[in-house]
Amino acid sequence: MRAAGRGTPPGVNPDNAKLLDAYLDDAYSAQERLSSADLQRGAIAADLPAEVLTVVDSLPEGEYAQDEAAEALRALDS
């Protein structure tokens, strides 16, 4: 399920933002919550571009639902 109103995370160009959105959709397809470490490992395994990996690596430690992860990624620049 795609979270509504995610927008482009800071530091990510629009093309990479689409990759990040698709990655989050895939990562959460069978999971309700994932840890930041799970998201980081999954992003590496998905072979996402370095720019996207940097954003995912910046997630604070914790466990996230998909909409929470997307919101946290957007908030990294504030």
PDB file of N, CA and C in Angstrom:
ATOM      1  N   MET A   1       0.841  -1.175   0.000  1.00  0.00           N
ATOM      2  CA  MET A   1       0.000   0.000   0.000  1.00  0.00           C
ATOM      3  C   MET A   1       0.884   1.234   0.000  1.00  0.00           C
ATOM      4  N   ARG A   2       0.640   2.131  -0.884  1.00  0.00           N
ATOM      5  CA  ARG A   2       1.435   3.341  -1.027  1.00  0.00           C
ATOM      6  C   ARG A   2       0.901   4.409  -0.082  1.00  0.00           C
ATOM      7  N   ALA A   3       1.801   5.015   0.701  1.00  0.00           N
ATOM      8  CA  ALA A   3       1.392   6.074   1.613  1.00  0.00           C
ATOM      9  C   ALA A   3       1.100   7.341   0.817  1.00  0.00           C
ATOM     10  N   ALA A   4       0.047   8.015   1.146  1.00  0.00           N
ATOM     11  CA  ALA A   4      -0.348   9.209   0.407  1.00  0.00           C
ATOM     12  C   ALA A   4       0.478  10.405   0.836  1.00  0.00           C
ATOM     13  N   GLY A   5       0.783  11.258  -0.124  1.00  0.00           N
ATOM     14  CA  GLY A   5       1.410  12.537   0.170  1.00  0.00           C
ATOM     15  C   GLY A   5       2.834  12.463   0.653  1.00  0.00           C
ATOM     16  N   ARG A   6       3.587  11.499   0.201  1.00  0.00           N
ATOM     17  CA  ARG A   6       4.952  11.376   0.686  1.00  0.00           C
ATOM     18  C   ARG A   6       5.844  12.503   0.220  1.00  0.00           C
ATOM     19  N   GLY A   7       5.806  12.867  -1.035  1.00  0.00           N
ATOM     20  CA  GLY A   7       6.664  13.925  -1.538  1.00  0.00           C
ATOM     21  C   GLY A   7       8.094  13.461  -1.691  1.00  0.00           C
ATOM     22  N   THR A   8       8.944  14.348  -2.139  1.00  0.00           N
ATOM     23  CA  THR A   8      10.336  14.010  -2.387  1.00  0.00           C
ATOM     24  C   THR A   8      11.163  14.216  -1.132  1.00  0.00           C
ATOM     25  N   PRO A   9      11.874  13.177  -0.686  1.00  0.00           N
ATOM     26  CA  PRO A   9      12.742  13.348   0.471  1.00  0.00           C
ATOM     27  C   PRO A   9      13.853  14.336   0.164  1.00  0.00           C
ATOM     28  N   PRO A  10      14.313  15.093   1.148  1.00  0.00           N
ATOM     29  CA  PRO A  10      15.381  16.056   0.918  1.00  0.00           C
ATOM     30  C   PRO A  10      16.640  15.359   0.442  1.00  0.00           C
ATOM     31  N   GLY A  11      17.370  16.016  -0.450  1.00  0.00           N
ATOM     32  CA  GLY A  11      18.631  15.469  -0.910  1.00  0.00           C
ATOM     33  C   GLY A  11      18.481  14.408  -1.982  1.00  0.00           C
ATOM     34  N   VAL A  12      17.274  14.127  -2.420  1.00  0.00           N
ATOM     35  CA  VAL A  12      17.061  13.091  -3.413  1.00  0.00           C
ATOM     36  C   VAL A  12      16.395  13.722  -4.625  1.00  0.00           C
ATOM     37  N   ASN A  13      17.000  13.519  -5.813  1.00  0.00           N
ATOM     38  CA  ASN A  13      16.372  14.072  -7.012  1.00  0.00           C
ATOM     39  C   ASN A  13      15.081  13.309  -7.286  1.00  0.00           C
ATOM     40  N   PRO A  14      14.194  13.871  -8.105  1.00  0.00           N
ATOM     41  CA  PRO A  14      12.888  13.241  -8.327  1.00  0.00           C
ATOM     42  C   PRO A  14      12.964  11.798  -8.850  1.00  0.00           C
ATOM     43  N   ASP A  15      13.936  11.499  -9.709  1.00  0.00           N
ATOM     44  CA  ASP A  15      14.068  10.125 -10.213  1.00  0.00           C
ATOM     45  C   ASP A  15      14.424   9.162  -9.088  1.00  0.00           C
ATOM     46  N   ASN A  16      15.355   9.574  -8.230  1.00  0.00           N
ATOM     47  CA  ASN A  16      15.726   8.720  -7.109  1.00  0.00           C
ATOM     48  C   ASN A  16      14.619   8.650  -6.071  1.00  0.00           C
ATOM     49  N   ALA A  17      13.813   9.699  -5.960  1.00  0.00           N
ATOM     50  CA  ALA A  17      12.673   9.675  -5.035  1.00  0.00           C
ATOM     51  C   ALA A  17      11.693   8.589  -5.463  1.00  0.00           C
ATOM     52  N   LYS A  18      11.510   8.432  -6.769  1.00  0.00           N
ATOM     53  CA  LYS A  18      10.637   7.361  -7.261  1.00  0.00           C
ATOM     54  C   LYS A  18      11.201   5.998  -6.892  1.00  0.00           C
ATOM     55  N   LEU A  19      12.544   5.852  -6.992  1.00  0.00           N
ATOM     56  CA  LEU A  19      13.178   4.596  -6.587  1.00  0.00           C
ATOM     57  C   LEU A  19      12.959   4.338  -5.101  1.00  0.00           C
ATOM     58  N   LEU A  20      13.085   5.378  -4.298  1.00  0.00           N
ATOM     59  CA  LEU A  20      12.893   5.243  -2.858  1.00  0.00           C
ATOM     60  C   LEU A  20      11.448   4.867  -2.541  1.00  0.00           C
ATOM     61  N   ASP A  21      10.492   5.506  -3.200  1.00  0.00           N
ATOM     62  CA  ASP A  21       9.078   5.166  -2.991  1.00  0.00           C
ATOM     63  C   ASP A  21       8.826   3.705  -3.353  1.00  0.00           C
ATOM     64  N   ALA A  22       9.374   3.281  -4.495  1.00  0.00           N
ATOM     65  CA  ALA A  22       9.195   1.891  -4.927  1.00  0.00           C
ATOM     66  C   ALA A  22       9.859   0.937  -3.936  1.00  0.00           C
ATOM     67  N   TYR A  23      11.045   1.317  -3.440  1.00  0.00           N
ATOM     68  CA  TYR A  23      11.733   0.483  -2.456  1.00  0.00           C
ATOM     69  C   TYR A  23      10.893   0.335  -1.188  1.00  0.00           C
ATOM     70  N   LEU A  24      10.346   1.441  -0.684  1.00  0.00           N
ATOM     71  CA  LEU A  24       9.515   1.372   0.524  1.00  0.00           C
ATOM     72  C   LEU A  24       8.288   0.507   0.286  1.00  0.00           C
ATOM     73  N   ASP A  25       7.680   0.637  -0.884  1.00  0.00           N
ATOM     74  CA  ASP A  25       6.524  -0.209  -1.207  1.00  0.00           C
ATOM     75  C   ASP A  25       6.907  -1.685  -1.163  1.00  0.00           C
ATOM     76  N   ASP A  26       8.050  -2.024  -1.765  1.00  0.00           N
ATOM     77  CA  ASP A  26       8.511  -3.418  -1.768  1.00  0.00           C
ATOM     78  C   ASP A  26       8.880  -3.894  -0.368  1.00  0.00           C
ATOM     79  N   ALA A  27       9.609  -3.059   0.366  1.00  0.00           N
ATOM     80  CA  ALA A  27      10.078  -3.448   1.697  1.00  0.00           C
ATOM     81  C   ALA A  27       8.915  -3.730   2.643  1.00  0.00           C
ATOM     82  N   TYR A  28       7.847  -2.958   2.504  1.00  0.00           N
ATOM     83  CA  TYR A  28       6.710  -3.100   3.407  1.00  0.00           C
ATOM     84  C   TYR A  28       5.609  -3.999   2.844  1.00  0.00           C
ATOM     85  N   SER A  29       5.856  -4.669   1.734  1.00  0.00           N
ATOM     86  CA  SER A  29       4.804  -5.479   1.123  1.00  0.00           C
ATOM     87  C   SER A  29       4.330  -6.609   2.033  1.00  0.00           C
ATOM     88  N   ALA A  30       5.205  -7.152   2.859  1.00  0.00           N
ATOM     89  CA  ALA A  30       4.823  -8.254   3.746  1.00  0.00           C
ATOM     90  C   ALA A  30       5.088  -7.925   5.219  1.00  0.00           C
ATOM     91  N   GLN A  31       5.419  -6.666   5.492  1.00  0.00           N
ATOM     92  CA  GLN A  31       5.767  -6.258   6.847  1.00  0.00           C
ATOM     93  C   GLN A  31       4.951  -5.036   7.251  1.00  0.00           C
ATOM     94  N   GLU A  32       4.573  -5.004   8.507  1.00  0.00           N
ATOM     95  CA  GLU A  32       3.867  -3.830   9.004  1.00  0.00           C
ATOM     96  C   GLU A  32       4.850  -2.791   9.532  1.00  0.00           C
ATOM     97  N   ARG A  33       5.923  -3.263  10.173  1.00  0.00           N
ATOM     98  CA  ARG A  33       6.937  -2.363  10.734  1.00  0.00           C
ATOM     99  C   ARG A  33       8.316  -2.939  10.432  1.00  0.00           C
ATOM    100  N   LEU A  34       9.274  -2.045  10.188  1.00  0.00           N
ATOM    101  CA  LEU A  34      10.658  -2.441   9.956  1.00  0.00           C
ATOM    102  C   LEU A  34      11.562  -1.515  10.747  1.00  0.00           C
ATOM    103  N   SER A  35      12.696  -2.044  11.197  1.00  0.00           N
ATOM    104  CA  SER A  35      13.666  -1.203  11.892  1.00  0.00           C
ATOM    105  C   SER A  35      14.464  -0.414  10.865  1.00  0.00           C
ATOM    106  N   SER A  36      15.091   0.668  11.323  1.00  0.00           N
ATOM    107  CA  SER A  36      15.935   1.447  10.423  1.00  0.00           C
ATOM    108  C   SER A  36      17.061   0.573   9.882  1.00  0.00           C
ATOM    109  N   ALA A  37      17.583  -0.339  10.692  1.00  0.00           N
ATOM    110  CA  ALA A  37      18.642  -1.248  10.232  1.00  0.00           C
ATOM    111  C   ALA A  37      18.119  -2.175   9.138  1.00  0.00           C
ATOM    112  N   ASP A  38      16.898  -2.675   9.284  1.00  0.00           N
ATOM    113  CA  ASP A  38      16.288  -3.511   8.238  1.00  0.00           C
ATOM    114  C   ASP A  38      16.149  -2.723   6.940  1.00  0.00           C
ATOM    115  N   LEU A  39      15.714  -1.468   7.049  1.00  0.00           N
ATOM    116  CA  LEU A  39      15.557  -0.634   5.866  1.00  0.00           C
ATOM    117  C   LEU A  39      16.902  -0.355   5.207  1.00  0.00           C
ATOM    118  N   GLN A  40      17.932  -0.133   6.010  1.00  0.00           N
ATOM    119  CA  GLN A  40      19.272   0.108   5.466  1.00  0.00           C
ATOM    120  C   GLN A  40      19.802  -1.133   4.765  1.00  0.00           C
ATOM    121  N   ARG A  41      19.675  -2.294   5.394  1.00  0.00           N
ATOM    122  CA  ARG A  41      20.135  -3.537   4.754  1.00  0.00           C
ATOM    123  C   ARG A  41      19.376  -3.822   3.474  1.00  0.00           C
ATOM    124  N   GLY A  42      18.071  -3.587   3.503  1.00  0.00           N
ATOM    125  CA  GLY A  42      17.255  -3.811   2.318  1.00  0.00           C
ATOM    126  C   GLY A  42      17.611  -2.874   1.176  1.00  0.00           C
ATOM    127  N   ALA A  43      17.927  -1.628   1.511  1.00  0.00           N
ATOM    128  CA  ALA A  43      18.310  -0.654   0.481  1.00  0.00           C
ATOM    129  C   ALA A  43      19.623  -1.063  -0.185  1.00  0.00           C
ATOM    130  N   ILE A  44      20.538  -1.589   0.601  1.00  0.00           N
ATOM    131  CA  ILE A  44      21.808  -2.081   0.043  1.00  0.00           C
ATOM    132  C   ILE A  44      21.537  -3.280  -0.851  1.00  0.00           C
ATOM    133  N   ALA A  45      20.720  -4.210  -0.368  1.00  0.00           N
ATOM    134  CA  ALA A  45      20.400  -5.412  -1.145  1.00  0.00           C
ATOM    135  C   ALA A  45      19.659  -5.061  -2.432  1.00  0.00           C
ATOM    136  N   ALA A  46      18.872  -3.979  -2.412  1.00  0.00           N
ATOM    137  CA  ALA A  46      18.127  -3.547  -3.589  1.00  0.00           C
ATOM    138  C   ALA A  46      19.021  -2.795  -4.579  1.00  0.00           C
ATOM    139  N   ASP A  47      20.279  -2.579  -4.194  1.00  0.00           N
ATOM    140  CA  ASP A  47      21.258  -1.910  -5.052  1.00  0.00           C
ATOM    141  C   ASP A  47      20.789  -0.516  -5.468  1.00  0.00           C
ATOM    142  N   LEU A  48      20.263   0.210  -4.484  1.00  0.00           N
ATOM    143  CA  LEU A  48      19.819   1.575  -4.743  1.00  0.00           C
ATOM    144  C   LEU A  48      21.030   2.487  -4.936  1.00  0.00           C
ATOM    145  N   PRO A  49      20.868   3.586  -5.675  1.00  0.00           N
ATOM    146  CA  PRO A  49      21.976   4.521  -5.883  1.00  0.00           C
ATOM    147  C   PRO A  49      22.496   5.075  -4.557  1.00  0.00           C
ATOM    148  N   ALA A  50      23.762   5.473  -4.573  1.00  0.00           N
ATOM    149  CA  ALA A  50      24.420   5.973  -3.362  1.00  0.00           C
ATOM    150  C   ALA A  50      23.658   7.134  -2.737  1.00  0.00           C
ATOM    151  N   GLU A  51      23.112   8.022  -3.556  1.00  0.00           N
ATOM    152  CA  GLU A  51      22.359   9.172  -3.039  1.00  0.00           C
ATOM    153  C   GLU A  51      21.163   8.719  -2.201  1.00  0.00           C
ATOM    154  N   VAL A  52      20.481   7.667  -2.652  1.00  0.00           N
ATOM    155  CA  VAL A  52      19.335   7.140  -1.929  1.00  0.00           C
ATOM    156  C   VAL A  52      19.796   6.405  -0.677  1.00  0.00           C
ATOM    157  N   LEU A  53      20.868   5.639  -0.785  1.00  0.00           N
ATOM    158  CA  LEU A  53      21.415   4.934   0.385  1.00  0.00           C
ATOM    159  C   LEU A  53      21.777   5.914   1.492  1.00  0.00           C
ATOM    160  N   THR A  54      22.336   7.059   1.118  1.00  0.00           N
ATOM    161  CA  THR A  54      22.712   8.066   2.107  1.00  0.00           C
ATOM    162  C   THR A  54      21.491   8.553   2.877  1.00  0.00           C
ATOM    163  N   VAL A  55      20.394   8.769   2.176  1.00  0.00           N
ATOM    164  CA  VAL A  55      19.166   9.220   2.841  1.00  0.00           C
ATOM    165  C   VAL A  55      18.641   8.127   3.778  1.00  0.00           C
ATOM    166  N   VAL A  56      18.590   6.887   3.292  1.00  0.00           N
ATOM    167  CA  VAL A  56      18.099   5.781   4.121  1.00  0.00           C
ATOM    168  C   VAL A  56      19.003   5.586   5.334  1.00  0.00           C
ATOM    169  N   ASP A  57      20.316   5.708   5.138  1.00  0.00           N
ATOM    170  CA  ASP A  57      21.262   5.560   6.249  1.00  0.00           C
ATOM    171  C   ASP A  57      21.084   6.643   7.308  1.00  0.00           C
ATOM    172  N   SER A  58      20.471   7.750   6.938  1.00  0.00           N
ATOM    173  CA  SER A  58      20.276   8.858   7.882  1.00  0.00           C
ATOM    174  C   SER A  58      19.061   8.693   8.780  1.00  0.00           C
ATOM    175  N   LEU A  59      18.273   7.651   8.531  1.00  0.00           N
ATOM    176  CA  LEU A  59      17.105   7.422   9.392  1.00  0.00           C
ATOM    177  C   LEU A  59      17.546   7.200  10.839  1.00  0.00           C
ATOM    178  N   PRO A  60      16.918   7.884  11.771  1.00  0.00           N
ATOM    179  CA  PRO A  60      17.230   7.630  13.177  1.00  0.00           C
ATOM    180  C   PRO A  60      16.893   6.181  13.551  1.00  0.00           C
ATOM    181  N   GLU A  61      17.622   5.666  14.509  1.00  0.00           N
ATOM    182  CA  GLU A  61      17.387   4.302  14.981  1.00  0.00           C
ATOM    183  C   GLU A  61      15.953   4.188  15.475  1.00  0.00           C
ATOM    184  N   GLY A  62      15.334   3.079  15.164  1.00  0.00           N
ATOM    185  CA  GLY A  62      13.975   2.846  15.608  1.00  0.00           C
ATOM    186  C   GLY A  62      13.243   1.929  14.667  1.00  0.00           C
ATOM    187  N   GLU A  63      11.972   1.747  14.946  1.00  0.00           N
ATOM    188  CA  GLU A  63      11.111   0.905  14.141  1.00  0.00           C
ATOM    189  C   GLU A  63      10.051   1.795  13.501  1.00  0.00           C
ATOM    190  N   TYR A  64       9.754   1.534  12.235  1.00  0.00           N
ATOM    191  CA  TYR A  64       8.888   2.407  11.461  1.00  0.00           C
ATOM    192  C   TYR A  64       7.803   1.632  10.717  1.00  0.00           C
ATOM    193  N   ALA A  65       6.609   2.191  10.673  1.00  0.00           N
ATOM    194  CA  ALA A  65       5.604   1.778   9.708  1.00  0.00           C
ATOM    195  C   ALA A  65       5.974   2.505   8.412  1.00  0.00           C
ATOM    196  N   GLN A  66       5.407   2.110   7.288  1.00  0.00           N
ATOM    197  CA  GLN A  66       5.798   2.703   6.008  1.00  0.00           C
ATOM    198  C   GLN A  66       5.586   4.212   5.988  1.00  0.00           C
ATOM    199  N   ASP A  67       4.447   4.677   6.448  1.00  0.00           N
ATOM    200  CA  ASP A  67       4.194   6.118   6.432  1.00  0.00           C
ATOM    201  C   ASP A  67       5.129   6.866   7.379  1.00  0.00           C
ATOM    202  N   GLU A  68       5.490   6.240   8.488  1.00  0.00           N
ATOM    203  CA  GLU A  68       6.434   6.859   9.424  1.00  0.00           C
ATOM    204  C   GLU A  68       7.824   6.963   8.808  1.00  0.00           C
ATOM    205  N   ALA A  69       8.243   5.915   8.100  1.00  0.00           N
ATOM    206  CA  ALA A  69       9.554   5.929   7.446  1.00  0.00           C
ATOM    207  C   ALA A  69       9.595   7.015   6.382  1.00  0.00           C
ATOM    208  N   ALA A  70       8.547   7.108   5.575  1.00  0.00           N
ATOM    209  CA  ALA A  70       8.498   8.132   4.533  1.00  0.00           C
ATOM    210  C   ALA A  70       8.539   9.531   5.143  1.00  0.00           C
ATOM    211  N   GLU A  71       7.792   9.744   6.221  1.00  0.00           N
ATOM    212  CA  GLU A  71       7.777  11.040   6.885  1.00  0.00           C
ATOM    213  C   GLU A  71       9.150  11.356   7.486  1.00  0.00           C
ATOM    214  N   ALA A  72       9.776  10.385   8.109  1.00  0.00           N
ATOM    215  CA  ALA A  72      11.103  10.600   8.693  1.00  0.00           C
ATOM    216  C   ALA A  72      12.118  10.953   7.611  1.00  0.00           C
ATOM    217  N   LEU A  73      12.027  10.325   6.460  1.00  0.00           N
ATOM    218  CA  LEU A  73      12.932  10.640   5.362  1.00  0.00           C
ATOM    219  C   LEU A  73      12.721  12.067   4.879  1.00  0.00           C
ATOM    220  N   ARG A  74      11.475  12.520   4.822  1.00  0.00           N
ATOM    221  CA  ARG A  74      11.190  13.892   4.415  1.00  0.00           C
ATOM    222  C   ARG A  74      11.717  14.889   5.435  1.00  0.00           C
ATOM    223  N   ALA A  75      11.676  14.528   6.716  1.00  0.00           N
ATOM    224  CA  ALA A  75      12.049  15.441   7.784  1.00  0.00           C
ATOM    225  C   ALA A  75      13.556  15.574   7.981  1.00  0.00           C
ATOM    226  N   LEU A  76      14.332  14.738   7.342  1.00  0.00           N
ATOM    227  CA  LEU A  76      15.776  14.757   7.565  1.00  0.00           C
ATOM    228  C   LEU A  76      16.416  16.102   7.244  1.00  0.00           C
ATOM    229  N   ASP A  77      15.835  16.851   6.354  1.00  0.00           N
ATOM    230  CA  ASP A  77      16.416  18.126   5.941  1.00  0.00           C
ATOM    231  C   ASP A  77      15.972  19.295   6.799  1.00  0.00           C
ATOM    232  N   SER A  78      15.023  19.067   7.716  1.00  0.00           N
ATOM    233  CA  SER A  78      14.533  20.208   8.494  1.00  0.00           C
ATOM    234  C   SER A  78      15.303  20.434   9.760  1.00  0.00           C
TER     235      SER A  78
END
